[in-house]
Amino acid sequence: MDGLGAFLLPIWVAALTGYAIVCGVVGGEPGAPWWLRWPMPIWNAIAHDWRRPTPVPQRPDYAKIARLERELGIIEPEKPIRPARTVCLTKNCAGATTEIRTWSGMLAMRIHECEAP
């Protein structure tokens, strides 16, 4: 470095350090001018905003959705996991059909007990 650069470097460092201190102290106040306030939003974004948790989206209300589907008639009958292999062909059968569900409530199979009229 030549003599002038070696002389100006400490002055620049001192000026920038002083400006940073003034921006940090005065720039955080509500009525501060823009030339003192502009580093604060950038510093907040770098130092604080990345740590904020993202908001969790609300879960759908499945009970309400099911009720609306029933009211509108757009719900299809629930299909079992394992389809039944036999069908009751008795005319006017009065037998009961029992639904077997898993622990989570999913329909596993339907069992029909045929009773002839």
PDB file of N, CA and C in Angstrom:
ATOM      1  N   MET A   1       0.835  -1.184   0.000  1.00  0.00           N
ATOM      2  CA  MET A   1       0.000   0.000   0.000  1.00  0.00           C
ATOM      3  C   MET A   1       0.878   1.244   0.000  1.00  0.00           C
ATOM      4  N   ASP A   2       0.386   2.203  -0.710  1.00  0.00           N
ATOM      5  CA  ASP A   2       1.139   3.464  -0.706  1.00  0.00           C
ATOM      6  C   ASP A   2       0.776   4.274   0.543  1.00  0.00           C
ATOM      7  N   GLY A   3       1.349   5.383   0.698  1.00  0.00           N
ATOM      8  CA  GLY A   3       1.191   6.185   1.907  1.00  0.00           C
ATOM      9  C   GLY A   3      -0.216   6.707   2.101  1.00  0.00           C
ATOM     10  N   LEU A   4      -0.904   7.105   0.998  1.00  0.00           N
ATOM     11  CA  LEU A   4      -2.252   7.661   1.114  1.00  0.00           C
ATOM     12  C   LEU A   4      -3.255   6.574   1.484  1.00  0.00           C
ATOM     13  N   GLY A   5      -3.113   5.368   0.877  1.00  0.00           N
ATOM     14  CA  GLY A   5      -4.026   4.262   1.185  1.00  0.00           C
ATOM     15  C   GLY A   5      -3.898   3.809   2.626  1.00  0.00           C
ATOM     16  N   ALA A   6      -2.677   3.770   3.112  1.00  0.00           N
ATOM     17  CA  ALA A   6      -2.451   3.370   4.497  1.00  0.00           C
ATOM     18  C   ALA A   6      -3.003   4.411   5.456  1.00  0.00           C
ATOM     19  N   PHE A   7      -3.078   5.644   5.003  1.00  0.00           N
ATOM     20  CA  PHE A   7      -3.615   6.722   5.831  1.00  0.00           C
ATOM     21  C   PHE A   7      -5.147   6.704   5.821  1.00  0.00           C
ATOM     22  N   LEU A   8      -5.775   6.412   4.635  1.00  0.00           N
ATOM     23  CA  LEU A   8      -7.232   6.469   4.515  1.00  0.00           C
ATOM     24  C   LEU A   8      -7.941   5.225   5.045  1.00  0.00           C
ATOM     25  N   LEU A   9      -7.265   4.089   5.042  1.00  0.00           N
ATOM     26  CA  LEU A   9      -7.916   2.855   5.478  1.00  0.00           C
ATOM     27  C   LEU A   9      -8.421   2.933   6.924  1.00  0.00           C
ATOM     28  N   PRO A  10      -7.644   3.365   7.880  1.00  0.00           N
ATOM     29  CA  PRO A  10      -8.178   3.466   9.245  1.00  0.00           C
ATOM     30  C   PRO A  10      -9.311   4.482   9.360  1.00  0.00           C
ATOM     31  N   ILE A  11      -9.257   5.529   8.541  1.00  0.00           N
ATOM     32  CA  ILE A  11     -10.335   6.527   8.572  1.00  0.00           C
ATOM     33  C   ILE A  11     -11.636   5.899   8.059  1.00  0.00           C
ATOM     34  N   TRP A  12     -11.556   5.132   6.959  1.00  0.00           N
ATOM     35  CA  TRP A  12     -12.742   4.459   6.412  1.00  0.00           C
ATOM     36  C   TRP A  12     -13.303   3.445   7.410  1.00  0.00           C
ATOM     37  N   VAL A  13     -12.435   2.684   8.019  1.00  0.00           N
ATOM     38  CA  VAL A  13     -12.883   1.687   8.999  1.00  0.00           C
ATOM     39  C   VAL A  13     -13.556   2.379  10.182  1.00  0.00           C
ATOM     40  N   ALA A  14     -12.974   3.470  10.655  1.00  0.00           N
ATOM     41  CA  ALA A  14     -13.562   4.205  11.776  1.00  0.00           C
ATOM     42  C   ALA A  14     -14.903   4.819  11.383  1.00  0.00           C
ATOM     43  N   ALA A  15     -14.982   5.369  10.157  1.00  0.00           N
ATOM     44  CA  ALA A  15     -16.236   5.976   9.701  1.00  0.00           C
ATOM     45  C   ALA A  15     -17.334   4.923   9.564  1.00  0.00           C
ATOM     46  N   LEU A  16     -17.025   3.785   8.965  1.00  0.00           N
ATOM     47  CA  LEU A  16     -18.026   2.728   8.812  1.00  0.00           C
ATOM     48  C   LEU A  16     -18.449   2.146  10.159  1.00  0.00           C
ATOM     49  N   THR A  17     -17.508   2.011  11.069  1.00  0.00           N
ATOM     50  CA  THR A  17     -17.846   1.517  12.403  1.00  0.00           C
ATOM     51  C   THR A  17     -18.747   2.509  13.131  1.00  0.00           C
ATOM     52  N   GLY A  18     -18.423   3.792  13.037  1.00  0.00           N
ATOM     53  CA  GLY A  18     -19.269   4.824  13.648  1.00  0.00           C
ATOM     54  C   GLY A  18     -20.660   4.848  13.036  1.00  0.00           C
ATOM     55  N   TYR A  19     -20.740   4.712  11.693  1.00  0.00           N
ATOM     56  CA  TYR A  19     -22.039   4.694  11.015  1.00  0.00           C
ATOM     57  C   TYR A  19     -22.853   3.479  11.460  1.00  0.00           C
ATOM     58  N   ALA A  20     -22.202   2.323  11.600  1.00  0.00           N
ATOM     59  CA  ALA A  20     -22.902   1.115  12.042  1.00  0.00           C
ATOM     60  C   ALA A  20     -23.433   1.279  13.461  1.00  0.00           C
ATOM     61  N   ILE A  21     -22.652   1.912  14.321  1.00  0.00           N
ATOM     62  CA  ILE A  21     -23.096   2.136  15.699  1.00  0.00           C
ATOM     63  C   ILE A  21     -24.278   3.095  15.732  1.00  0.00           C
ATOM     64  N   VAL A  22     -24.195   4.183  14.955  1.00  0.00           N
ATOM     65  CA  VAL A  22     -25.298   5.156  14.912  1.00  0.00           C
ATOM     66  C   VAL A  22     -26.555   4.503  14.338  1.00  0.00           C
ATOM     67  N   CYS A  23     -26.402   3.678  13.284  1.00  0.00           N
ATOM     68  CA  CYS A  23     -27.559   2.982  12.703  1.00  0.00           C
ATOM     69  C   CYS A  23     -28.178   2.031  13.719  1.00  0.00           C
ATOM     70  N   GLY A  24     -27.357   1.348  14.491  1.00  0.00           N
ATOM     71  CA  GLY A  24     -27.880   0.412  15.479  1.00  0.00           C
ATOM     72  C   GLY A  24     -28.580   1.093  16.631  1.00  0.00           C
ATOM     73  N   VAL A  25     -28.082   2.251  17.045  1.00  0.00           N
ATOM     74  CA  VAL A  25     -28.663   2.940  18.195  1.00  0.00           C
ATOM     75  C   VAL A  25     -29.854   3.794  17.781  1.00  0.00           C
ATOM     76  N   VAL A  26     -29.668   4.638  16.777  1.00  0.00           N
ATOM     77  CA  VAL A  26     -30.708   5.597  16.388  1.00  0.00           C
ATOM     78  C   VAL A  26     -31.672   4.986  15.368  1.00  0.00           C
ATOM     79  N   GLY A  27     -31.185   4.082  14.514  1.00  0.00           N
ATOM     80  CA  GLY A  27     -32.031   3.533  13.451  1.00  0.00           C
ATOM     81  C   GLY A  27     -33.144   2.644  13.945  1.00  0.00           C
ATOM     82  N   GLY A  28     -33.071   2.159  15.165  1.00  0.00           N
ATOM     83  CA  GLY A  28     -34.126   1.313  15.707  1.00  0.00           C
ATOM     84  C   GLY A  28     -35.311   2.083  16.241  1.00  0.00           C
ATOM     85  N   GLU A  29     -35.207   3.395  16.338  1.00  0.00           N
ATOM     86  CA  GLU A  29     -36.308   4.205  16.852  1.00  0.00           C
ATOM     87  C   GLU A  29     -37.342   4.436  15.753  1.00  0.00           C
ATOM     88  N   PRO A  30     -38.616   4.631  16.119  1.00  0.00           N
ATOM     89  CA  PRO A  30     -39.670   4.757  15.108  1.00  0.00           C
ATOM     90  C   PRO A  30     -39.533   5.962  14.181  1.00  0.00           C
ATOM     91  N   GLY A  31     -39.055   7.090  14.658  1.00  0.00           N
ATOM     92  CA  GLY A  31     -38.990   8.282  13.821  1.00  0.00           C
ATOM     93  C   GLY A  31     -37.655   8.502  13.144  1.00  0.00           C
ATOM     94  N   ALA A  32     -36.833   7.489  13.058  1.00  0.00           N
ATOM     95  CA  ALA A  32     -35.487   7.632  12.497  1.00  0.00           C
ATOM     96  C   ALA A  32     -35.550   7.847  10.991  1.00  0.00           C
ATOM     97  N   PRO A  33     -34.638   8.663  10.448  1.00  0.00           N
ATOM     98  CA  PRO A  33     -34.608   8.850   8.997  1.00  0.00           C
ATOM     99  C   PRO A  33     -34.183   7.565   8.285  1.00  0.00           C
ATOM    100  N   TRP A  34     -34.543   7.464   7.003  1.00  0.00           N
ATOM    101  CA  TRP A  34     -34.303   6.244   6.232  1.00  0.00           C
ATOM    102  C   TRP A  34     -32.814   5.903   6.131  1.00  0.00           C
ATOM    103  N   TRP A  35     -31.950   6.902   6.039  1.00  0.00           N
ATOM    104  CA  TRP A  35     -30.523   6.623   5.871  1.00  0.00           C
ATOM    105  C   TRP A  35     -29.902   6.019   7.124  1.00  0.00           C
ATOM    106  N   LEU A  36     -30.617   6.095   8.265  1.00  0.00           N
ATOM    107  CA  LEU A  36     -30.172   5.418   9.478  1.00  0.00           C
ATOM    108  C   LEU A  36     -30.969   4.132   9.747  1.00  0.00           C
ATOM    109  N   ARG A  37     -32.129   4.019   9.113  1.00  0.00           N
ATOM    110  CA  ARG A  37     -33.036   2.918   9.410  1.00  0.00           C
ATOM    111  C   ARG A  37     -32.877   1.721   8.481  1.00  0.00           C
ATOM    112  N   TRP A  38     -32.329   1.889   7.279  1.00  0.00           N
ATOM    113  CA  TRP A  38     -32.321   0.823   6.275  1.00  0.00           C
ATOM    114  C   TRP A  38     -31.585  -0.448   6.700  1.00  0.00           C
ATOM    115  N   PRO A  39     -30.531  -0.404   7.536  1.00  0.00           N
ATOM    116  CA  PRO A  39     -29.893  -1.683   7.892  1.00  0.00           C
ATOM    117  C   PRO A  39     -30.722  -2.549   8.849  1.00  0.00           C
ATOM    118  N   MET A  40     -31.652  -1.946   9.591  1.00  0.00           N
ATOM    119  CA  MET A  40     -32.394  -2.707  10.595  1.00  0.00           C
ATOM    120  C   MET A  40     -33.275  -3.804   9.994  1.00  0.00           C
ATOM    121  N   PRO A  41     -34.063  -3.549   8.940  1.00  0.00           N
ATOM    122  CA  PRO A  41     -34.850  -4.656   8.367  1.00  0.00           C
ATOM    123  C   PRO A  41     -33.971  -5.778   7.816  1.00  0.00           C
ATOM    124  N   ILE A  42     -32.832  -5.402   7.249  1.00  0.00           N
ATOM    125  CA  ILE A  42     -31.922  -6.427   6.722  1.00  0.00           C
ATOM    126  C   ILE A  42     -31.344  -7.241   7.876  1.00  0.00           C
ATOM    127  N   TRP A  43     -30.929  -6.572   8.938  1.00  0.00           N
ATOM    128  CA  TRP A  43     -30.380  -7.288  10.083  1.00  0.00           C
ATOM    129  C   TRP A  43     -31.442  -8.188  10.727  1.00  0.00           C
ATOM    130  N   ASN A  44     -32.677  -7.693  10.848  1.00  0.00           N
ATOM    131  CA  ASN A  44     -33.746  -8.519  11.414  1.00  0.00           C
ATOM    132  C   ASN A  44     -34.003  -9.752  10.558  1.00  0.00           C
ATOM    133  N   ALA A  45     -33.947  -9.584   9.239  1.00  0.00           N
ATOM    134  CA  ALA A  45     -34.161 -10.731   8.350  1.00  0.00           C
ATOM    135  C   ALA A  45     -33.043 -11.752   8.500  1.00  0.00           C
ATOM    136  N   ILE A  46     -31.815 -11.278   8.633  1.00  0.00           N
ATOM    137  CA  ILE A  46     -30.679 -12.197   8.751  1.00  0.00           C
ATOM    138  C   ILE A  46     -30.648 -12.846  10.133  1.00  0.00           C
ATOM    139  N   ALA A  47     -30.838 -12.059  11.173  1.00  0.00           N
ATOM    140  CA  ALA A  47     -30.619 -12.559  12.526  1.00  0.00           C
ATOM    141  C   ALA A  47     -31.840 -13.207  13.165  1.00  0.00           C
ATOM    142  N   HIS A  48     -33.049 -12.805  12.778  1.00  0.00           N
ATOM    143  CA  HIS A  48     -34.218 -13.252  13.530  1.00  0.00           C
ATOM    144  C   HIS A  48     -35.263 -13.984  12.698  1.00  0.00           C
ATOM    145  N   ASP A  49     -35.549 -13.544  11.487  1.00  0.00           N
ATOM    146  CA  ASP A  49     -36.673 -14.094  10.732  1.00  0.00           C
ATOM    147  C   ASP A  49     -36.494 -15.554  10.368  1.00  0.00           C
ATOM    148  N   TRP A  50     -35.294 -16.009  10.162  1.00  0.00           N
ATOM    149  CA  TRP A  50     -35.097 -17.396   9.747  1.00  0.00           C
ATOM    150  C   TRP A  50     -35.401 -18.379  10.870  1.00  0.00           C
ATOM    151  N   ARG A  51     -35.434 -17.898  12.124  1.00  0.00           N
ATOM    152  CA  ARG A  51     -35.688 -18.792  13.256  1.00  0.00           C
ATOM    153  C   ARG A  51     -37.164 -18.926  13.584  1.00  0.00           C
ATOM    154  N   ARG A  52     -38.010 -18.103  12.998  1.00  0.00           N
ATOM    155  CA  ARG A  52     -39.432 -18.181  13.305  1.00  0.00           C
ATOM    156  C   ARG A  52     -40.016 -19.451  12.705  1.00  0.00           C
ATOM    157  N   PRO A  53     -40.811 -20.167  13.476  1.00  0.00           N
ATOM    158  CA  PRO A  53     -41.408 -21.381  12.917  1.00  0.00           C
ATOM    159  C   PRO A  53     -42.477 -21.025  11.888  1.00  0.00           C
ATOM    160  N   THR A  54     -42.572 -21.843  10.877  1.00  0.00           N
ATOM    161  CA  THR A  54     -43.598 -21.615   9.867  1.00  0.00           C
ATOM    162  C   THR A  54     -44.948 -22.004  10.451  1.00  0.00           C
ATOM    163  N   PRO A  55     -45.979 -21.259  10.126  1.00  0.00           N
ATOM    164  CA  PRO A  55     -47.291 -21.595  10.677  1.00  0.00           C
ATOM    165  C   PRO A  55     -47.784 -22.930  10.117  1.00  0.00           C
ATOM    166  N   VAL A  56     -48.380 -23.710  10.985  1.00  0.00           N
ATOM    167  CA  VAL A  56     -48.893 -25.019  10.583  1.00  0.00           C
ATOM    168  C   VAL A  56     -50.277 -24.822   9.975  1.00  0.00           C
ATOM    169  N   PRO A  57     -50.499 -25.327   8.770  1.00  0.00           N
ATOM    170  CA  PRO A  57     -51.830 -25.163   8.178  1.00  0.00           C
ATOM    171  C   PRO A  57     -52.872 -25.955   8.967  1.00  0.00           C
ATOM    172  N   GLN A  58     -54.082 -25.438   8.983  1.00  0.00           N
ATOM    173  CA  GLN A  58     -55.144 -26.112   9.712  1.00  0.00           C
ATOM    174  C   GLN A  58     -55.514 -27.403   9.004  1.00  0.00           C
ATOM    175  N   ARG A  59     -55.805 -28.417   9.807  1.00  0.00           N
ATOM    176  CA  ARG A  59     -56.201 -29.697   9.234  1.00  0.00           C
ATOM    177  C   ARG A  59     -57.638 -29.613   8.750  1.00  0.00           C
ATOM    178  N   PRO A  60     -57.957 -30.322   7.689  1.00  0.00           N
ATOM    179  CA  PRO A  60     -59.342 -30.314   7.211  1.00  0.00           C
ATOM    180  C   PRO A  60     -60.278 -30.943   8.246  1.00  0.00           C
ATOM    181  N   ASP A  61     -61.492 -30.443   8.295  1.00  0.00           N
ATOM    182  CA  ASP A  61     -62.511 -30.982   9.191  1.00  0.00           C
ATOM    183  C   ASP A  61     -63.195 -32.136   8.463  1.00  0.00           C
ATOM    184  N   TYR A  62     -62.680 -33.353   8.672  1.00  0.00           N
ATOM    185  CA  TYR A  62     -63.168 -34.506   7.926  1.00  0.00           C
ATOM    186  C   TYR A  62     -64.617 -34.840   8.267  1.00  0.00           C
ATOM    187  N   ALA A  63     -65.027 -34.609   9.502  1.00  0.00           N
ATOM    188  CA  ALA A  63     -66.417 -34.880   9.874  1.00  0.00           C
ATOM    189  C   ALA A  63     -67.360 -33.960   9.109  1.00  0.00           C
ATOM    190  N   LYS A  64     -66.985 -32.702   8.982  1.00  0.00           N
ATOM    191  CA  LYS A  64     -67.821 -31.753   8.249  1.00  0.00           C
ATOM    192  C   LYS A  64     -67.858 -32.101   6.763  1.00  0.00           C
ATOM    193  N   ILE A  65     -66.710 -32.509   6.217  1.00  0.00           N
ATOM    194  CA  ILE A  65     -66.661 -32.891   4.804  1.00  0.00           C
ATOM    195  C   ILE A  65     -67.559 -34.097   4.556  1.00  0.00           C
ATOM    196  N   ALA A  66     -67.493 -35.091   5.443  1.00  0.00           N
ATOM    197  CA  ALA A  66     -68.333 -36.287   5.287  1.00  0.00           C
ATOM    198  C   ALA A  66     -69.806 -35.938   5.403  1.00  0.00           C
ATOM    199  N   ARG A  67     -70.156 -35.054   6.346  1.00  0.00           N
ATOM    200  CA  ARG A  67     -71.555 -34.657   6.501  1.00  0.00           C
ATOM    201  C   ARG A  67     -72.063 -33.945   5.255  1.00  0.00           C
ATOM    202  N   LEU A  68     -71.257 -33.040   4.704  1.00  0.00           N
ATOM    203  CA  LEU A  68     -71.667 -32.326   3.496  1.00  0.00           C
ATOM    204  C   LEU A  68     -71.797 -33.275   2.309  1.00  0.00           C
ATOM    205  N   GLU A  69     -70.900 -34.248   2.207  1.00  0.00           N
ATOM    206  CA  GLU A  69     -71.004 -35.219   1.119  1.00  0.00           C
ATOM    207  C   GLU A  69     -72.275 -36.046   1.245  1.00  0.00           C
ATOM    208  N   ARG A  70     -72.635 -36.419   2.481  1.00  0.00           N
ATOM    209  CA  ARG A  70     -73.884 -37.169   2.671  1.00  0.00           C
ATOM    210  C   ARG A  70     -75.087 -36.314   2.317  1.00  0.00           C
ATOM    211  N   GLU A  71     -75.074 -35.030   2.734  1.00  0.00           N
ATOM    212  CA  GLU A  71     -76.201 -34.149   2.441  1.00  0.00           C
ATOM    213  C   GLU A  71     -76.371 -33.929   0.944  1.00  0.00           C
ATOM    214  N   LEU A  72     -75.260 -33.813   0.241  1.00  0.00           N
ATOM    215  CA  LEU A  72     -75.327 -33.564  -1.200  1.00  0.00           C
ATOM    216  C   LEU A  72     -75.510 -34.844  -2.008  1.00  0.00           C
ATOM    217  N   GLY A  73     -75.350 -35.971  -1.363  1.00  0.00           N
ATOM    218  CA  GLY A  73     -75.530 -37.239  -2.057  1.00  0.00           C
ATOM    219  C   GLY A  73     -74.384 -37.598  -2.977  1.00  0.00           C
ATOM    220  N   ILE A  74     -73.205 -37.075  -2.726  1.00  0.00           N
ATOM    221  CA  ILE A  74     -72.076 -37.373  -3.613  1.00  0.00           C
ATOM    222  C   ILE A  74     -71.130 -38.406  -3.020  1.00  0.00           C
ATOM    223  N   ILE A  75     -71.509 -38.954  -1.881  1.00  0.00           N
ATOM    224  CA  ILE A  75     -70.627 -39.943  -1.264  1.00  0.00           C
ATOM    225  C   ILE A  75     -70.947 -41.321  -1.836  1.00  0.00           C
ATOM    226  N   GLU A  76     -69.925 -42.057  -2.149  1.00  0.00           N
ATOM    227  CA  GLU A  76     -70.096 -43.410  -2.654  1.00  0.00           C
ATOM    228  C   GLU A  76     -70.058 -44.365  -1.473  1.00  0.00           C
ATOM    229  N   PRO A  77     -70.705 -45.521  -1.608  1.00  0.00           N
ATOM    230  CA  PRO A  77     -70.607 -46.481  -0.503  1.00  0.00           C
ATOM    231  C   PRO A  77     -69.161 -46.913  -0.300  1.00  0.00           C
ATOM    232  N   GLU A  78     -68.815 -47.083   0.942  1.00  0.00           N
ATOM    233  CA  GLU A  78     -67.431 -47.427   1.273  1.00  0.00           C
ATOM    234  C   GLU A  78     -67.120 -48.841   0.799  1.00  0.00           C
ATOM    235  N   LYS A  79     -66.008 -48.983   0.101  1.00  0.00           N
ATOM    236  CA  LYS A  79     -65.616 -50.290  -0.414  1.00  0.00           C
ATOM    237  C   LYS A  79     -64.709 -50.972   0.602  1.00  0.00           C
ATOM    238  N   PRO A  80     -64.936 -52.259   0.850  1.00  0.00           N
ATOM    239  CA  PRO A  80     -64.085 -52.954   1.814  1.00  0.00           C
ATOM    240  C   PRO A  80     -62.691 -53.212   1.263  1.00  0.00           C
ATOM    241  N   ILE A  81     -61.757 -53.472   2.186  1.00  0.00           N
ATOM    242  CA  ILE A  81     -60.390 -53.783   1.786  1.00  0.00           C
ATOM    243  C   ILE A  81     -60.372 -55.083   0.987  1.00  0.00           C
ATOM    244  N   ARG A  82     -61.081 -56.114   1.514  1.00  0.00           N
ATOM    245  CA  ARG A  82     -61.173 -57.407   0.833  1.00  0.00           C
ATOM    246  C   ARG A  82     -62.582 -57.559   0.291  1.00  0.00           C
ATOM    247  N   PRO A  83     -62.746 -57.616  -1.011  1.00  0.00           N
ATOM    248  CA  PRO A  83     -64.098 -57.747  -1.561  1.00  0.00           C
ATOM    249  C   PRO A  83     -64.681 -59.124  -1.257  1.00  0.00           C
ATOM    250  N   ALA A  84     -65.989 -59.149  -1.063  1.00  0.00           N
ATOM    251  CA  ALA A  84     -66.673 -60.419  -0.804  1.00  0.00           C
ATOM    252  C   ALA A  84     -66.704 -61.241  -2.084  1.00  0.00           C
ATOM    253  N   ARG A  85     -66.513 -62.555  -1.944  1.00  0.00           N
ATOM    254  CA  ARG A  85     -66.470 -63.419  -3.123  1.00  0.00           C
ATOM    255  C   ARG A  85     -67.849 -63.967  -3.479  1.00  0.00           C
ATOM    256  N   THR A  86     -68.753 -64.007  -2.532  1.00  0.00           N
ATOM    257  CA  THR A  86     -70.086 -64.541  -2.810  1.00  0.00           C
ATOM    258  C   THR A  86     -71.120 -63.449  -2.631  1.00  0.00           C
ATOM    259  N   VAL A  87     -72.220 -63.613  -3.327  1.00  0.00           N
ATOM    260  CA  VAL A  87     -73.309 -62.648  -3.274  1.00  0.00           C
ATOM    261  C   VAL A  87     -74.576 -63.410  -2.916  1.00  0.00           C
ATOM    262  N   CYS A  88     -75.409 -62.829  -2.075  1.00  0.00           N
ATOM    263  CA  CYS A  88     -76.669 -63.470  -1.711  1.00  0.00           C
ATOM    264  C   CYS A  88     -77.659 -63.293  -2.857  1.00  0.00           C
ATOM    265  N   LEU A  89     -78.145 -64.400  -3.391  1.00  0.00           N
ATOM    266  CA  LEU A  89     -79.077 -64.354  -4.517  1.00  0.00           C
ATOM    267  C   LEU A  89     -80.499 -64.679  -4.094  1.00  0.00           C
ATOM    268  N   THR A  90     -80.738 -64.773  -2.789  1.00  0.00           N
ATOM    269  CA  THR A  90     -82.074 -65.084  -2.301  1.00  0.00           C
ATOM    270  C   THR A  90     -82.958 -63.860  -2.449  1.00  0.00           C
ATOM    271  N   LYS A  91     -84.114 -64.066  -3.058  1.00  0.00           N
ATOM    272  CA  LYS A  91     -85.038 -62.956  -3.271  1.00  0.00           C
ATOM    273  C   LYS A  91     -85.637 -62.533  -1.927  1.00  0.00           C
ATOM    274  N   ASN A  92     -85.711 -61.250  -1.689  1.00  0.00           N
ATOM    275  CA  ASN A  92     -86.250 -60.666  -0.456  1.00  0.00           C
ATOM    276  C   ASN A  92     -85.554 -61.219   0.791  1.00  0.00           C
ATOM    277  N   CYS A  93     -84.261 -61.317   0.735  1.00  0.00           N
ATOM    278  CA  CYS A  93     -83.478 -61.836   1.857  1.00  0.00           C
ATOM    279  C   CYS A  93     -83.584 -60.875   3.036  1.00  0.00           C
ATOM    280  N   ALA A  94     -83.851 -61.411   4.213  1.00  0.00           N
ATOM    281  CA  ALA A  94     -83.989 -60.590   5.418  1.00  0.00           C
ATOM    282  C   ALA A  94     -82.781 -60.744   6.331  1.00  0.00           C
ATOM    283  N   GLY A  95     -81.716 -61.301   5.816  1.00  0.00           N
ATOM    284  CA  GLY A  95     -80.529 -61.536   6.631  1.00  0.00           C
ATOM    285  C   GLY A  95     -79.769 -60.253   6.932  1.00  0.00           C
ATOM    286  N   ALA A  96     -79.045 -60.291   8.019  1.00  0.00           N
ATOM    287  CA  ALA A  96     -78.281 -59.116   8.448  1.00  0.00           C
ATOM    288  C   ALA A  96     -76.893 -59.130   7.813  1.00  0.00           C
ATOM    289  N   THR A  97     -76.391 -57.950   7.563  1.00  0.00           N
ATOM    290  CA  THR A  97     -75.032 -57.795   7.055  1.00  0.00           C
ATOM    291  C   THR A  97     -74.208 -57.126   8.148  1.00  0.00           C
ATOM    292  N   THR A  98     -73.128 -57.758   8.540  1.00  0.00           N
ATOM    293  CA  THR A  98     -72.259 -57.237   9.596  1.00  0.00           C
ATOM    294  C   THR A  98     -71.000 -56.660   8.961  1.00  0.00           C
ATOM    295  N   GLU A  99     -70.629 -55.470   9.404  1.00  0.00           N
ATOM    296  CA  GLU A  99     -69.406 -54.838   8.899  1.00  0.00           C
ATOM    297  C   GLU A  99     -68.288 -55.066   9.904  1.00  0.00           C
ATOM    298  N   ILE A 100     -67.150 -55.505   9.427  1.00  0.00           N
ATOM    299  CA  ILE A 100     -65.967 -55.679  10.267  1.00  0.00           C
ATOM    300  C   ILE A 100     -64.985 -54.579   9.893  1.00  0.00           C
ATOM    301  N   ARG A 101     -64.585 -53.810  10.902  1.00  0.00           N
ATOM    302  CA  ARG A 101     -63.706 -52.669  10.663  1.00  0.00           C
ATOM    303  C   ARG A 101     -62.372 -52.870  11.366  1.00  0.00           C
ATOM    304  N   THR A 102     -61.343 -52.195  10.857  1.00  0.00           N
ATOM    305  CA  THR A 102     -60.026 -52.230  11.481  1.00  0.00           C
ATOM    306  C   THR A 102     -60.031 -51.295  12.684  1.00  0.00           C
ATOM    307  N   TRP A 103     -58.924 -51.274  13.446  1.00  0.00           N
ATOM    308  CA  TRP A 103     -58.836 -50.384  14.606  1.00  0.00           C
ATOM    309  C   TRP A 103     -58.956 -48.929  14.201  1.00  0.00           C
ATOM    310  N   SER A 104     -58.492 -48.583  13.006  1.00  0.00           N
ATOM    311  CA  SER A 104     -58.560 -47.186  12.567  1.00  0.00           C
ATOM    312  C   SER A 104     -59.933 -46.815  12.034  1.00  0.00           C
ATOM    313  N   GLY A 105     -60.839 -47.788  11.910  1.00  0.00           N
ATOM    314  CA  GLY A 105     -62.192 -47.492  11.450  1.00  0.00           C
ATOM    315  C   GLY A 105     -62.418 -47.798   9.986  1.00  0.00           C
ATOM    316  N   MET A 106     -61.405 -48.275   9.283  1.00  0.00           N
ATOM    317  CA  MET A 106     -61.559 -48.593   7.865  1.00  0.00           C
ATOM    318  C   MET A 106     -62.337 -49.898   7.722  1.00  0.00           C
ATOM    319  N   LEU A 107     -63.236 -49.939   6.769  1.00  0.00           N
ATOM    320  CA  LEU A 107     -64.056 -51.119   6.540  1.00  0.00           C
ATOM    321  C   LEU A 107     -63.187 -52.238   5.989  1.00  0.00           C
ATOM    322  N   ALA A 108     -63.127 -53.363   6.708  1.00  0.00           N
ATOM    323  CA  ALA A 108     -62.311 -54.493   6.268  1.00  0.00           C
ATOM    324  C   ALA A 108     -63.128 -55.438   5.395  1.00  0.00           C
ATOM    325  N   MET A 109     -64.314 -55.833   5.852  1.00  0.00           N
ATOM    326  CA  MET A 109     -65.166 -56.715   5.055  1.00  0.00           C
ATOM    327  C   MET A 109     -66.586 -56.673   5.585  1.00  0.00           C
ATOM    328  N   ARG A 110     -67.517 -57.140   4.766  1.00  0.00           N
ATOM    329  CA  ARG A 110     -68.916 -57.273   5.160  1.00  0.00           C
ATOM    330  C   ARG A 110     -69.261 -58.759   5.160  1.00  0.00           C
ATOM    331  N   ILE A 111     -69.928 -59.196   6.203  1.00  0.00           N
ATOM    332  CA  ILE A 111     -70.357 -60.594   6.295  1.00  0.00           C
ATOM    333  C   ILE A 111     -71.880 -60.610   6.284  1.00  0.00           C
ATOM    334  N   HIS A 112     -72.436 -61.355   5.346  1.00  0.00           N
ATOM    335  CA  HIS A 112     -73.893 -61.433   5.207  1.00  0.00           C
ATOM    336  C   HIS A 112     -74.366 -62.801   5.661  1.00  0.00           C
ATOM    337  N   GLU A 113     -75.350 -62.818   6.535  1.00  0.00           N
ATOM    338  CA  GLU A 113     -75.967 -64.064   6.988  1.00  0.00           C
ATOM    339  C   GLU A 113     -77.344 -64.150   6.354  1.00  0.00           C
ATOM    340  N   CYS A 114     -77.483 -65.070   5.438  1.00  0.00           N
ATOM    341  CA  CYS A 114     -78.707 -65.178   4.654  1.00  0.00           C
ATOM    342  C   CYS A 114     -79.817 -65.847   5.465  1.00  0.00           C
ATOM    343  N   GLU A 115     -81.010 -65.268   5.408  1.00  0.00           N
ATOM    344  CA  GLU A 115     -82.204 -65.845   6.025  1.00  0.00           C
ATOM    345  C   GLU A 115     -83.302 -65.817   4.977  1.00  0.00           C
ATOM    346  N   ALA A 116     -83.721 -66.956   4.582  1.00  0.00           N
ATOM    347  CA  ALA A 116     -84.784 -67.038   3.575  1.00  0.00           C
ATOM    348  C   ALA A 116     -86.107 -66.609   4.204  1.00  0.00           C
ATOM    349  N   PRO A 117     -86.926 -65.880   3.453  1.00  0.00           N
ATOM    350  CA  PRO A 117     -88.220 -65.438   4.009  1.00  0.00           C
ATOM    351  C   PRO A 117     -89.218 -66.568   4.160  1.00  0.00           C
TER     352      PRO A 117
END
